């Protein structure tokens, strides 16, 4: 099929573009390159520079490309930035998604939306959280993502579309920029490579569900092959605390990653993990990359100089 990936020059989006190219699909990428990098893309992927917040430019590109599937990953992803400027976050994550839905409707394309699992369920969620858990986001970022999900459901009801939502756990892997909470593995690997001690905020017992980007790409491919609308968690269901994570990075590096402790950051979730059994039942998707193996892949990528692409 012909696939358009918004945010496709980013960390996750570029892996997703590779996954669809690898199975023989035609892939176009839309990215404003505010964070994405063209070097992450395979030569076969056609790059269109535009923002999803520019409805006119987006519509023109979608009309030209005529995709059958739009994987919508373009987003404002910094939780702290969403707190500092919630209006800008809403413009990117809510209005941008509406623009994508309208452009896709004009082209007759289906949309797969990359939402958040870690930021949408909230501090009181049952762990691991399934899709029936009531969303109670703690920041504008999670609120905007949940609002965008509601528009996807609305379009499905109004127009009979089969758009779907994938709620992602903490995605990690090669090509990840070492910034933000979701980039903690890349950040820690970089620190160890420089001979520095990684900084842990709080006591290091806070947990996250780390899912490798290759597994996330496989989840999108599985959802693309399903005709149904739905909301699916994409995670491992396993909680890993930061102290365990530093131990895994130390073993990958052949050293001891002894962390430095700093005060906990206000509003940080103590625990987070996603129940992805619905995706297993309905899509046949299961994570396959063990965390120790995935952490080693990030460390080796960082040691190689953090290239946009590897041979």
Protein backbone atom coordinates (compact mmCIF):
# COMPACT_ATOMS: atom_id res chain seq x y z
CA UNK A 1 0.00 0.00 0.00
CA UNK A 2 0.97 3.66 -0.10
CA UNK A 3 1.73 4.95 3.39
CA UNK A 4 2.24 8.50 4.67
CA UNK A 5 4.06 8.85 7.99
CA UNK A 6 3.70 12.23 9.71
CA UNK A 7 6.69 12.94 11.91
CA UNK A 8 8.46 10.31 9.86
CA UNK A 9 11.92 11.87 10.16
CA UNK A 10 11.75 11.46 13.92
CA UNK A 11 12.98 8.64 16.13
CA UNK A 12 9.92 6.38 16.01
CA UNK A 13 8.65 7.60 12.65
CA UNK A 14 11.84 6.75 10.79
CA UNK A 15 11.79 3.20 12.14
CA UNK A 16 8.16 2.94 11.10
CA UNK A 17 9.01 4.16 7.59
CA UNK A 18 11.73 1.49 7.42
CA UNK A 19 9.27 -1.21 8.52
CA UNK A 20 6.76 -0.39 5.79
CA UNK A 21 9.50 -0.07 3.15
CA UNK A 22 10.84 -3.42 4.29
CA UNK A 23 7.60 -5.15 3.38
CA UNK A 24 7.42 -3.48 -0.03
CA UNK A 25 5.11 -0.53 0.60
CA UNK A 26 5.54 2.92 -0.92
CA UNK A 27 6.34 5.40 1.86
CA UNK A 28 6.09 9.18 1.97
CA UNK A 29 7.12 11.19 5.01
CA UNK A 30 5.73 14.52 6.19
CA UNK A 31 7.89 16.33 8.75
CA UNK A 32 8.56 19.98 9.55
CA UNK A 33 12.12 18.99 10.60
CA UNK A 34 11.87 20.93 13.86
CA UNK A 35 13.16 17.78 15.54
CA UNK A 36 13.28 15.24 12.74
CA UNK A 37 16.34 14.69 10.58
CA UNK A 38 16.36 13.75 6.88
CA UNK A 39 19.41 11.56 7.47
CA UNK A 40 17.25 9.10 9.38
CA UNK A 41 15.29 8.27 6.24
CA UNK A 42 16.02 5.59 3.68
CA UNK A 43 16.53 6.94 0.15
CA UNK A 44 13.29 5.26 -0.94
CA UNK A 45 11.18 7.40 1.42
CA UNK A 46 9.99 10.66 -0.16
CA UNK A 47 10.22 13.60 2.27
CA UNK A 48 7.71 16.46 2.26
CA UNK A 49 8.63 19.32 4.58
CA UNK A 50 5.50 20.72 6.23
CA UNK A 51 3.78 20.92 9.60
CA UNK A 52 0.51 19.22 10.48
CA UNK A 53 -0.57 22.54 11.97
CA UNK A 54 -0.58 24.02 8.44
CA UNK A 55 -3.88 22.62 7.22
CA UNK A 56 -3.52 23.95 3.67
CA UNK A 57 -0.02 22.58 3.08
CA UNK A 58 -0.96 19.26 4.69
CA UNK A 59 -4.07 18.89 2.53
CA UNK A 60 -2.11 19.64 -0.64
CA UNK A 61 0.52 17.02 0.17
CA UNK A 62 -2.05 14.36 1.07
CA UNK A 63 -4.00 15.12 -2.11
CA UNK A 64 -0.81 14.72 -4.14
CA UNK A 65 0.42 11.56 -2.41
CA UNK A 66 -3.03 9.89 -2.13
CA UNK A 67 -2.03 7.49 0.66
CA UNK A 68 -4.18 4.55 1.67
CA UNK A 69 -2.83 4.75 5.22
CA UNK A 70 -1.65 7.68 7.32
CA UNK A 71 0.44 6.88 10.40
CA UNK A 72 0.19 10.04 12.48
CA UNK A 73 3.22 10.47 14.72
CA UNK A 74 3.90 14.22 14.34
CA UNK A 75 3.46 15.76 17.80
CA UNK A 76 4.71 18.00 20.55
CA UNK A 77 6.10 15.37 22.93
CA UNK A 78 7.77 17.33 25.73
CA UNK A 79 5.65 17.04 28.89
CA UNK A 80 7.41 19.95 30.59
CA UNK A 81 6.94 22.14 27.52
CA UNK A 82 3.24 21.28 27.51
CA UNK A 83 2.97 22.59 31.08
CA UNK A 84 4.84 25.77 30.16
CA UNK A 85 2.78 26.41 27.01
CA UNK A 86 -0.42 24.34 26.93
CA UNK A 87 -1.89 26.34 24.03
CA UNK A 88 1.04 25.49 21.76
CA UNK A 89 0.81 21.85 22.85
CA UNK A 90 -2.90 21.79 21.99
CA UNK A 91 -2.23 23.42 18.62
CA UNK A 92 0.20 20.67 17.67
CA UNK A 93 -1.48 17.66 19.27
CA UNK A 94 -5.19 18.46 18.94
CA UNK A 95 -5.52 20.85 16.00
CA UNK A 96 -2.74 19.05 14.13
CA UNK A 97 -4.58 15.75 14.53
CA UNK A 98 -7.85 17.28 13.33
CA UNK A 99 -6.02 18.57 10.26
CA UNK A 100 -4.66 15.08 9.58
CA UNK A 101 -8.13 13.55 9.97
CA UNK A 102 -9.67 16.04 7.55
CA UNK A 103 -6.92 15.56 4.97
CA UNK A 104 -7.18 11.78 5.29
CA UNK A 105 -10.97 11.94 4.90
CA UNK A 106 -10.61 13.86 1.64
CA UNK A 107 -8.19 11.23 0.35
CA UNK A 108 -10.14 8.24 1.67
CA UNK A 109 -7.21 7.18 3.83
CA UNK A 110 -7.22 5.32 7.13
CA UNK A 111 -5.36 6.84 10.12
CA UNK A 112 -3.30 5.08 12.79
CA UNK A 113 -2.65 7.51 15.63
CA UNK A 114 0.34 7.34 17.98
CA UNK A 115 -1.02 8.22 21.41
CA UNK A 116 0.57 7.89 24.84
CA UNK A 117 0.12 5.15 27.38
CA UNK A 118 2.49 6.44 30.02
CA UNK A 119 0.99 9.94 30.24
CA UNK A 120 -2.69 9.20 29.73
CA UNK A 121 -3.71 6.89 32.59
CA UNK A 122 -2.51 8.92 35.57
CA UNK A 123 -1.04 8.30 39.01
CA UNK A 124 -3.93 6.23 40.41
CA UNK A 125 -4.15 3.77 37.53
CA UNK A 126 -4.12 0.03 38.14
CA UNK A 127 -0.74 -1.41 37.07
CA UNK A 128 -0.41 -2.72 34.44
CA UNK A 129 -3.06 -0.45 32.94
CA UNK A 130 -5.42 -1.81 30.29
CA UNK A 131 -7.46 0.17 27.78
CA UNK A 132 -10.53 0.16 30.02
CA UNK A 133 -8.65 2.19 32.64
CA UNK A 134 -10.16 5.66 32.92
CA UNK A 135 -7.67 8.23 31.57
CA UNK A 136 -6.69 10.85 34.15
CA UNK A 137 -3.65 12.60 32.61
CA UNK A 138 -1.43 14.72 34.84
CA UNK A 139 -0.21 17.20 32.21
CA UNK A 140 -1.50 19.08 29.15
CA UNK A 141 0.42 16.68 26.89
CA UNK A 142 -1.57 13.63 28.03
CA UNK A 143 -4.79 15.66 28.02
CA UNK A 144 -4.19 16.75 24.42
CA UNK A 145 -3.44 13.21 23.30
CA UNK A 146 -6.64 11.96 24.93
CA UNK A 147 -8.61 14.77 23.29
CA UNK A 148 -7.13 13.81 19.92
CA UNK A 149 -8.28 10.24 20.55
CA UNK A 150 -11.80 11.55 21.08
CA UNK A 151 -11.73 13.25 17.69
CA UNK A 152 -10.63 9.98 16.10
CA UNK A 153 -13.61 8.23 17.69
CA UNK A 154 -15.87 11.06 16.55
CA UNK A 155 -14.70 10.79 12.93
CA UNK A 156 -15.31 7.04 13.06
CA UNK A 157 -18.88 7.64 14.20
CA UNK A 158 -19.57 10.54 11.83
CA UNK A 159 -18.00 9.17 8.69
CA UNK A 160 -17.75 5.42 9.18
CA UNK A 161 -13.97 5.46 9.10
CA UNK A 162 -11.82 2.77 10.74
CA UNK A 163 -9.14 4.91 12.31
CA UNK A 164 -7.29 3.39 15.26
CA UNK A 165 -5.23 4.44 18.27
CA UNK A 166 -2.00 2.92 19.56
CA UNK A 167 -1.11 3.99 23.10
CA UNK A 168 2.65 3.67 23.40
CA UNK A 169 4.62 2.90 26.54
CA UNK A 170 8.13 4.40 26.97
CA UNK A 171 9.68 3.77 23.58
CA UNK A 172 13.46 3.44 23.34
CA UNK A 173 16.04 2.37 20.79
CA UNK A 174 18.66 3.61 18.32
CA UNK A 175 18.10 7.10 16.80
CA UNK A 176 16.46 8.42 19.97
CA UNK A 177 17.46 11.95 20.93
CA UNK A 178 18.77 12.02 24.52
CA UNK A 179 16.12 14.46 25.76
CA UNK A 180 13.08 14.08 27.97
CA UNK A 181 11.91 11.31 30.25
CA UNK A 182 11.25 8.88 27.41
CA UNK A 183 14.89 9.18 26.38
CA UNK A 184 16.33 8.06 29.70
CA UNK A 185 18.05 5.00 28.24
CA UNK A 186 19.80 7.10 25.58
CA UNK A 187 20.66 9.73 28.20
CA UNK A 188 22.15 7.18 30.60
CA UNK A 189 24.07 5.40 27.84
CA UNK A 190 25.57 8.72 26.76
CA UNK A 191 26.60 9.56 30.30
CA UNK A 192 28.32 6.20 30.81
CA UNK A 193 30.15 6.53 27.49
CA UNK A 194 31.49 9.91 28.61
CA UNK A 195 32.68 8.43 31.87
CA UNK A 196 30.00 10.29 33.83
CA UNK A 197 27.55 9.04 36.44
CA UNK A 198 23.92 9.08 35.24
CA UNK A 199 21.60 11.34 37.22
CA UNK A 200 18.57 9.73 38.84
CA UNK A 201 15.82 12.05 40.03
CA UNK A 202 14.29 10.72 43.24
CA UNK A 203 15.17 7.40 44.82
CA UNK A 204 15.35 5.45 41.56
CA UNK A 205 12.44 3.20 42.47
CA UNK A 206 10.00 4.80 40.04
CA UNK A 207 9.04 2.41 37.26
CA UNK A 208 8.31 2.60 33.56
CA UNK A 209 7.37 0.16 30.82
CA UNK A 210 10.19 0.24 28.24
CA UNK A 211 9.27 -1.06 24.77
CA UNK A 212 11.80 -1.26 21.94
CA UNK A 213 11.14 0.83 18.83
CA UNK A 214 11.34 -2.27 16.61
CA UNK A 215 8.40 -3.75 18.53
CA UNK A 216 6.48 -0.48 18.18
CA UNK A 217 7.02 -0.48 14.42
CA UNK A 218 5.78 -4.07 14.31
CA UNK A 219 2.64 -3.03 16.23
CA UNK A 220 1.85 -0.36 13.62
CA UNK A 221 2.34 -2.87 10.81
CA UNK A 222 0.03 -5.31 12.62
CA UNK A 223 -2.62 -2.61 13.09
CA UNK A 224 -2.31 -1.65 9.42
CA UNK A 225 -3.17 -5.23 8.53
CA UNK A 226 -6.31 -5.23 10.66
CA UNK A 227 -9.54 -3.79 9.23
CA UNK A 228 -10.92 -2.82 12.60
CA UNK A 229 -10.99 0.42 14.52
CA UNK A 230 -9.70 0.15 18.05
CA UNK A 231 -7.53 1.39 20.89
CA UNK A 232 -4.51 -0.75 21.67
CA UNK A 233 -1.80 -0.46 24.30
CA UNK A 234 1.70 -1.11 22.99
CA UNK A 235 3.99 -2.08 25.83
CA UNK A 236 5.52 -5.03 27.64
CA UNK A 237 3.45 -5.00 30.84
CA UNK A 238 6.71 -5.11 32.81
CA UNK A 239 7.72 -2.42 35.30
CA UNK A 240 11.43 -1.58 35.38
CA UNK A 241 12.82 0.86 37.93
CA UNK A 242 15.70 3.23 37.25
CA UNK A 243 18.12 1.39 39.52
CA UNK A 244 17.58 -1.79 37.52
CA UNK A 245 17.96 0.20 34.32
CA UNK A 246 21.33 1.63 35.36
CA UNK A 247 22.46 -1.91 36.18
CA UNK A 248 21.53 -3.11 32.68
CA UNK A 249 23.38 -0.19 31.09
CA UNK A 250 26.44 -0.88 33.23
CA UNK A 251 26.46 -4.51 32.10
CA UNK A 252 26.11 -3.45 28.45
CA UNK A 253 29.09 -1.13 28.92
CA UNK A 254 31.14 -3.60 30.95
CA UNK A 255 31.32 -1.24 33.90
CA UNK A 256 29.35 -0.09 36.94
CA UNK A 257 26.86 2.68 36.19
CA UNK A 258 26.76 4.22 39.66
CA UNK A 259 24.08 6.94 39.58
CA UNK A 260 24.03 10.38 41.16
CA UNK A 261 20.80 11.13 42.98
CA UNK A 262 18.95 14.44 42.62
CA UNK A 263 15.64 15.67 44.07
CA UNK A 264 12.52 14.11 42.57
CA UNK A 265 10.80 16.15 39.87
CA UNK A 266 7.34 17.45 40.84
CA UNK A 267 4.45 15.59 39.27
CA UNK A 268 6.45 12.59 38.11
CA UNK A 269 4.52 9.32 38.05
CA UNK A 270 5.76 6.72 40.52
CA UNK A 271 4.68 3.69 38.50
CA UNK A 272 3.67 3.01 34.91
CA UNK A 273 3.18 -0.13 32.82
CA UNK A 274 0.74 -1.12 30.08
CA UNK A 275 -1.33 -4.27 29.68
CA UNK A 276 -1.05 -5.09 25.96
CA UNK A 277 -3.08 -8.30 26.02
CA UNK A 278 -5.78 -6.75 23.79
CA UNK A 279 -3.19 -6.15 21.06
CA UNK A 280 -2.09 -9.77 21.42
CA UNK A 281 -5.68 -11.02 21.04
CA UNK A 282 -6.86 -8.69 18.29
CA UNK A 283 -3.69 -7.97 16.31
CA UNK A 284 -1.49 -10.94 17.08
CA UNK A 285 1.17 -8.52 18.31
CA UNK A 286 3.53 -9.22 21.20
CA UNK A 287 6.79 -7.51 22.16
CA UNK A 288 9.82 -9.58 21.24
CA UNK A 289 12.92 -7.57 22.24
CA UNK A 290 14.13 -8.30 25.81
CA UNK A 291 15.08 -5.16 27.72
CA UNK A 292 18.70 -6.24 28.30
CA UNK A 293 19.13 -6.89 24.57
CA UNK A 294 17.45 -3.61 23.67
CA UNK A 295 19.57 -1.61 26.11
CA UNK A 296 22.70 -3.16 24.60
CA UNK A 297 21.54 -2.12 21.12
CA UNK A 298 21.21 1.50 22.29
CA UNK A 299 24.61 1.44 23.99
CA UNK A 300 26.30 0.01 20.89
CA UNK A 301 24.56 2.61 18.71
CA UNK A 302 25.74 5.41 21.02
CA UNK A 303 29.26 3.99 21.09
CA UNK A 304 29.24 4.04 17.27
CA UNK A 305 28.64 7.80 17.37
CA UNK A 306 24.81 7.86 17.39
CA UNK A 307 24.45 7.67 13.59
CA UNK A 308 21.16 8.61 11.92
CA UNK A 309 21.28 5.28 10.14
CA UNK A 310 23.48 2.20 10.47
CA UNK A 311 24.84 0.06 7.67
